């Protein structure tokens, strides 16, 4: 996405952070306010009530609203400042081929292997005992929140959870971190690898999970490369959705079999699998880039390639 704006990249970064700050503050008041009206409880009791099983659907809706405000709207506002065609600026287009989708599915397979291996490495990285206790407490709180929203007793629950924990985060987070931060960082550093890596670190950091830090950085790099090569945010959203849907499906199957959901989330892959994954990703991305170059070359003549 070429940027014709005269606003320099450091200022774009400042705008994006400032917009996020504004929407975080608005979300902190608006979401509990809506929850208070919806559940007919005092404002200060909303957080506690949302953690109760009987309010799971309300929690899902409000969580999705919060994600939309904090992630999607800042990037959309910045894109409107930079361009008269904000959705084009963000990378929304319909030029997609079947082969791109095929390679993305293979990239996901190798990416899951790599994430599992990096999770094992992340667990073994030494940190001070006090930091470990705090990191573990944050991790358990994060898992508890996710498992609360991932309660699935029926197929309808599974579909709704896919929407809340797979589709919505994929859309909102990709627009912010790939269409927003990544484009700014690549332009600022004038280096695709530096820009993608910095955006991926920011992406992982925003999840506040030490034990999932390296896997999310790796996922961010894969998503970043897909967006960079294809210039199409829909493809990054697609991979992000598939990755999230894989986790949700694991939890749904584990729940149906009576297995511990917490242990299912903690499953790791031997580190040496990560080496195989990196080799596979090298091959898959070469083919994906080649196909994406063809799609971009034909875009002017055939702007709507249907997959």
Protein backbone atom coordinates (compact mmCIF):
# COMPACT_ATOMS: atom_id res chain seq x y z
CA UNK A 1 0.00 0.00 0.00
CA UNK A 2 1.68 3.18 -1.12
CA UNK A 3 1.24 6.09 1.21
CA UNK A 4 0.90 9.51 -0.44
CA UNK A 5 0.53 11.36 2.83
CA UNK A 6 3.14 13.95 3.76
CA UNK A 7 2.90 12.89 7.42
CA UNK A 8 6.21 11.29 8.40
CA UNK A 9 6.36 7.84 9.93
CA UNK A 10 7.30 8.82 13.51
CA UNK A 11 4.27 11.12 13.54
CA UNK A 12 2.07 8.35 12.11
CA UNK A 13 3.26 6.10 14.93
CA UNK A 14 2.47 8.82 17.48
CA UNK A 15 -0.99 9.29 15.95
CA UNK A 16 -1.68 5.55 16.12
CA UNK A 17 -0.59 5.28 19.75
CA UNK A 18 -2.55 8.39 20.66
CA UNK A 19 -5.69 7.08 18.98
CA UNK A 20 -5.30 3.78 20.80
CA UNK A 21 -4.97 5.63 24.10
CA UNK A 22 -8.16 7.58 23.42
CA UNK A 23 -10.14 4.47 22.51
CA UNK A 24 -8.77 2.49 25.46
CA UNK A 25 -10.05 5.19 27.80
CA UNK A 26 -13.42 5.31 26.02
CA UNK A 27 -13.66 1.51 26.15
CA UNK A 28 -12.86 1.44 29.87
CA UNK A 29 -15.98 3.52 30.53
CA UNK A 30 -18.31 2.53 27.67
CA UNK A 31 -18.10 -1.26 27.96
CA UNK A 32 -18.83 -1.42 31.72
CA UNK A 33 -21.58 1.17 31.23
CA UNK A 34 -23.28 -1.00 28.59
CA UNK A 35 -22.75 -4.06 30.78
CA UNK A 36 -24.32 -2.24 33.72
CA UNK A 37 -27.43 -1.39 31.71
CA UNK A 38 -27.63 -4.83 30.11
CA UNK A 39 -27.33 -6.84 33.34
CA UNK A 40 -29.01 -4.21 35.51
CA UNK A 41 -26.21 -4.15 38.06
CA UNK A 42 -24.07 -1.32 39.52
CA UNK A 43 -21.20 -0.11 37.34
CA UNK A 44 -18.53 -1.38 39.75
CA UNK A 45 -19.97 -4.92 39.75
CA UNK A 46 -19.88 -5.43 35.98
CA UNK A 47 -16.44 -7.09 35.81
CA UNK A 48 -17.34 -9.63 38.50
CA UNK A 49 -20.70 -10.43 36.89
CA UNK A 50 -19.14 -10.93 33.44
CA UNK A 51 -16.97 -13.73 34.85
CA UNK A 52 -20.04 -15.74 35.85
CA UNK A 53 -21.10 -18.62 33.55
CA UNK A 54 -24.67 -17.32 33.17
CA UNK A 55 -23.35 -14.11 31.58
CA UNK A 56 -21.01 -15.73 29.09
CA UNK A 57 -22.89 -14.43 26.03
CA UNK A 58 -22.88 -10.87 27.36
CA UNK A 59 -19.17 -11.21 28.09
CA UNK A 60 -18.52 -12.35 24.51
CA UNK A 61 -20.41 -9.41 23.02
CA UNK A 62 -18.73 -6.83 25.22
CA UNK A 63 -15.28 -8.35 24.64
CA UNK A 64 -15.84 -8.13 20.88
CA UNK A 65 -16.97 -4.50 21.20
CA UNK A 66 -13.87 -3.68 23.24
CA UNK A 67 -11.59 -5.30 20.65
CA UNK A 68 -13.29 -3.38 17.85
CA UNK A 69 -12.77 -0.06 19.61
CA UNK A 70 -9.20 -0.63 20.77
CA UNK A 71 -7.80 -2.36 17.68
CA UNK A 72 -9.90 -1.59 14.60
CA UNK A 73 -10.95 2.04 15.06
CA UNK A 74 -7.47 3.54 15.67
CA UNK A 75 -6.09 1.97 12.48
CA UNK A 76 -9.16 3.04 10.52
CA UNK A 77 -8.90 6.64 11.76
CA UNK A 78 -5.18 6.77 10.88
CA UNK A 79 -5.86 5.36 7.42
CA UNK A 80 -8.48 8.06 6.86
CA UNK A 81 -5.95 10.71 7.87
CA UNK A 82 -3.36 9.27 5.45
CA UNK A 83 -5.61 8.56 2.48
CA UNK A 84 -8.94 9.44 0.92
CA UNK A 85 -9.37 5.69 0.38
CA UNK A 86 -8.80 4.32 3.89
CA UNK A 87 -9.78 0.72 3.12
CA UNK A 88 -7.34 0.62 0.22
CA UNK A 89 -4.71 2.09 2.53
CA UNK A 90 -5.41 -0.74 4.99
CA UNK A 91 -4.99 -3.40 2.29
CA UNK A 92 -8.58 -4.49 1.73
CA UNK A 93 -8.95 -5.84 -1.79
CA UNK A 94 -10.52 -8.89 -3.43
CA UNK A 95 -7.61 -9.96 -5.63
CA UNK A 96 -7.10 -13.45 -4.21
CA UNK A 97 -6.23 -16.73 -5.92
CA UNK A 98 -6.94 -20.30 -4.90
CA UNK A 99 -3.22 -21.06 -4.87
CA UNK A 100 -2.60 -18.30 -2.32
CA UNK A 101 -5.21 -19.86 -0.05
CA UNK A 102 -3.64 -23.29 -0.55
CA UNK A 103 -0.18 -22.07 0.45
CA UNK A 104 -1.60 -20.24 3.46
CA UNK A 105 -3.09 -23.51 4.71
CA UNK A 106 0.32 -25.16 4.45
CA UNK A 107 1.97 -22.17 6.12
CA UNK A 108 -0.52 -22.56 8.98
CA UNK A 109 0.44 -26.23 9.38
CA UNK A 110 4.15 -25.39 9.63
CA UNK A 111 3.38 -22.33 11.77
CA UNK A 112 1.57 -24.44 14.36
CA UNK A 113 4.62 -26.72 14.56
CA UNK A 114 6.92 -23.71 14.98
CA UNK A 115 4.71 -22.08 17.62
CA UNK A 116 4.56 -25.28 19.64
CA UNK A 117 8.34 -25.65 19.55
CA UNK A 118 8.90 -22.02 20.50
CA UNK A 119 6.43 -22.44 23.36
CA UNK A 120 8.65 -25.19 24.71
CA UNK A 121 11.69 -22.91 24.38
CA UNK A 122 9.81 -20.02 26.00
CA UNK A 123 9.03 -22.19 29.03
CA UNK A 124 12.72 -23.02 29.51
CA UNK A 125 14.05 -19.46 29.27
CA UNK A 126 15.39 -18.47 32.71
CA UNK A 127 13.99 -15.37 34.39
CA UNK A 128 14.23 -14.05 37.99
CA UNK A 129 11.94 -15.87 40.45
CA UNK A 130 9.87 -12.74 41.23
CA UNK A 131 9.30 -12.10 37.52
CA UNK A 132 8.34 -15.74 37.02
CA UNK A 133 5.68 -15.56 39.75
CA UNK A 134 4.17 -12.41 38.23
CA UNK A 135 4.34 -13.81 34.70
CA UNK A 136 2.67 -17.03 35.81
CA UNK A 137 -0.09 -15.09 37.58
CA UNK A 138 -0.76 -13.03 34.43
CA UNK A 139 -0.76 -16.20 32.34
CA UNK A 140 -3.27 -17.93 34.61
CA UNK A 141 -5.54 -14.87 34.59
CA UNK A 142 -5.36 -14.73 30.79
CA UNK A 143 -6.12 -18.43 30.47
CA UNK A 144 -9.03 -18.15 32.91
CA UNK A 145 -10.54 -15.32 30.86
CA UNK A 146 -10.12 -17.23 27.60
CA UNK A 147 -11.49 -20.46 29.02
CA UNK A 148 -14.47 -18.60 30.42
CA UNK A 149 -15.38 -17.31 26.97
CA UNK A 150 -14.48 -20.67 25.40
CA UNK A 151 -17.12 -22.60 27.33
CA UNK A 152 -18.79 -24.73 24.63
CA UNK A 153 -21.52 -27.25 25.42
CA UNK A 154 -23.36 -27.25 22.09
CA UNK A 155 -22.49 -26.81 18.39
CA UNK A 156 -24.06 -23.34 18.59
CA UNK A 157 -21.67 -22.45 21.42
CA UNK A 158 -18.81 -23.61 19.21
CA UNK A 159 -19.94 -21.39 16.32
CA UNK A 160 -20.38 -18.38 18.60
CA UNK A 161 -16.96 -18.96 20.14
CA UNK A 162 -15.41 -19.12 16.68
CA UNK A 163 -16.90 -15.70 16.03
CA UNK A 164 -15.70 -14.16 19.29
CA UNK A 165 -12.30 -15.83 19.76
CA UNK A 166 -11.32 -16.56 16.16
CA UNK A 167 -12.98 -14.27 13.61
CA UNK A 168 -13.23 -10.98 15.54
CA UNK A 169 -9.63 -10.97 16.88
CA UNK A 170 -8.32 -11.99 13.46
CA UNK A 171 -10.03 -9.04 11.77
CA UNK A 172 -9.42 -6.38 14.40
CA UNK A 173 -5.84 -7.32 15.32
CA UNK A 174 -4.65 -7.73 11.73
CA UNK A 175 -5.95 -4.32 10.75
CA UNK A 176 -4.10 -2.70 13.67
CA UNK A 177 -0.83 -4.64 13.68
CA UNK A 178 -0.33 -5.40 10.00
CA UNK A 179 -2.23 -2.63 8.17
CA UNK A 180 -1.34 -0.12 10.88
CA UNK A 181 1.84 -0.72 12.84
CA UNK A 182 3.65 -2.87 10.28
CA UNK A 183 3.27 -0.38 7.44
CA UNK A 184 4.45 2.42 9.71
CA UNK A 185 7.48 0.46 10.96
CA UNK A 186 8.52 -0.71 7.49
CA UNK A 187 8.34 2.85 6.21
CA UNK A 188 10.12 4.21 9.29
CA UNK A 189 13.01 1.71 9.19
CA UNK A 190 13.00 1.36 5.39
CA UNK A 191 13.53 -2.35 5.96
CA UNK A 192 10.83 -5.01 5.60
CA UNK A 193 12.40 -7.46 8.06
CA UNK A 194 12.93 -4.83 10.75
CA UNK A 195 9.43 -3.45 10.28
CA UNK A 196 7.77 -6.88 10.35
CA UNK A 197 9.78 -7.99 13.41
CA UNK A 198 9.08 -4.81 15.40
CA UNK A 199 5.36 -5.03 14.58
CA UNK A 200 5.39 -8.70 15.61
CA UNK A 201 7.04 -7.90 18.94
CA UNK A 202 4.46 -5.19 19.58
CA UNK A 203 1.71 -7.64 18.57
CA UNK A 204 2.97 -10.24 21.03
CA UNK A 205 3.55 -7.70 23.77
CA UNK A 206 -0.05 -6.48 23.60
CA UNK A 207 -1.21 -9.95 24.67
CA UNK A 208 0.66 -9.60 28.01
CA UNK A 209 1.70 -13.26 28.01
CA UNK A 210 5.33 -14.04 28.80
CA UNK A 211 4.94 -17.79 28.20
CA UNK A 212 3.34 -17.18 24.82
CA UNK A 213 5.67 -14.35 23.79
CA UNK A 214 7.93 -16.21 21.33
CA UNK A 215 5.11 -18.18 19.65
CA UNK A 216 3.15 -14.97 19.07
CA UNK A 217 6.21 -13.18 17.70
CA UNK A 218 6.64 -16.05 15.23
CA UNK A 219 2.95 -15.91 14.31
CA UNK A 220 3.27 -12.16 13.83
CA UNK A 221 6.20 -12.63 11.45
CA UNK A 222 4.24 -15.16 9.36
CA UNK A 223 1.21 -12.86 9.23
CA UNK A 224 3.46 -9.92 8.40
CA UNK A 225 5.15 -11.72 5.51
CA UNK A 226 1.79 -12.76 4.08
CA UNK A 227 0.58 -9.16 4.14
CA UNK A 228 3.86 -7.80 2.78
CA UNK A 229 4.00 -10.22 -0.15
CA UNK A 230 0.31 -10.17 -1.04
CA UNK A 231 -0.57 -6.55 -0.17
CA UNK A 232 -3.91 -8.02 0.89
CA UNK A 233 -4.99 -7.87 4.52
CA UNK A 234 -7.74 -10.44 3.93
CA UNK A 235 -5.11 -13.16 3.56
CA UNK A 236 -3.48 -12.27 6.88
CA UNK A 237 -6.91 -12.23 8.48
CA UNK A 238 -7.60 -15.64 6.96
CA UNK A 239 -4.44 -17.21 8.43
CA UNK A 240 -5.04 -15.55 11.79
CA UNK A 241 -8.60 -16.88 11.82
CA UNK A 242 -7.46 -20.41 10.94
CA UNK A 243 -4.87 -20.33 13.72
CA UNK A 244 -7.44 -19.17 16.29
CA UNK A 245 -10.07 -21.58 14.98
CA UNK A 246 -7.61 -24.45 15.39
CA UNK A 247 -7.24 -23.63 19.10
CA UNK A 248 -11.01 -23.19 19.59
CA UNK A 249 -11.66 -26.51 17.85
CA UNK A 250 -9.08 -28.22 20.06
CA UNK A 251 -10.84 -26.90 23.15
CA UNK A 252 -14.26 -27.93 21.82
CA UNK A 253 -13.10 -31.47 21.11
CA UNK A 254 -11.28 -31.70 24.46
CA UNK A 255 -14.40 -30.48 26.25
CA UNK A 256 -16.54 -33.11 24.52
CA UNK A 257 -14.06 -35.82 25.55
CA UNK A 258 -13.96 -34.62 29.16
CA UNK A 259 -10.31 -33.54 28.97
CA UNK A 260 -8.83 -30.62 30.89
CA UNK A 261 -9.07 -27.45 28.80
CA UNK A 262 -6.19 -25.89 30.71
CA UNK A 263 -3.88 -28.79 29.91
CA UNK A 264 -5.00 -28.70 26.28
CA UNK A 265 -3.91 -25.05 26.05
CA UNK A 266 -0.52 -25.93 27.59
CA UNK A 267 0.40 -28.67 25.12
CA UNK A 268 3.86 -28.22 23.59
CA UNK A 269 5.84 -29.68 20.67
CA UNK A 270 9.49 -30.85 20.92
CA UNK A 271 11.88 -28.06 19.95
CA UNK A 272 13.48 -29.98 17.07
CA UNK A 273 10.13 -29.90 15.27
CA UNK A 274 10.67 -26.17 15.00
CA UNK A 275 13.70 -26.74 12.76
CA UNK A 276 11.59 -28.83 10.38
CA UNK A 277 8.90 -26.12 10.49
CA UNK A 278 11.38 -23.40 9.51
CA UNK A 279 12.54 -25.42 6.49
CA UNK A 280 8.94 -26.03 5.43
CA UNK A 281 8.06 -22.37 5.86
CA UNK A 282 10.98 -21.36 3.64
CA UNK A 283 9.63 -23.56 0.84
CA UNK A 284 6.00 -22.57 1.35
CA UNK A 285 6.72 -18.84 1.42
CA UNK A 286 8.76 -19.01 -1.78
CA UNK A 287 5.74 -20.47 -3.54
CA UNK A 288 3.34 -18.06 -1.84
CA UNK A 289 5.45 -15.05 -2.88
CA UNK A 290 5.64 -16.31 -6.46
CA UNK A 291 1.87 -16.73 -6.63
CA UNK A 292 1.27 -13.36 -4.95
CA UNK A 293 3.53 -11.64 -7.49
CA UNK A 294 1.38 -13.11 -10.27
CA UNK A 295 -1.83 -11.98 -8.58
CA UNK A 296 -0.49 -8.45 -8.14
CA UNK A 297 0.72 -8.35 -11.75
CA UNK A 298 -2.73 -9.34 -13.01
CA UNK A 299 -4.60 -7.14 -10.56
CA UNK A 300 -5.20 -4.25 -12.96
CA UNK A 301 -6.66 -6.50 -15.64
CA UNK A 302 -8.47 -8.92 -13.29
CA UNK A 303 -9.13 -7.08 -10.02
CA UNK A 304 -11.50 -9.70 -8.59
CA UNK A 305 -9.89 -13.11 -8.56
CA UNK A 306 -12.30 -15.42 -6.80
CA UNK A 307 -11.05 -18.32 -4.70
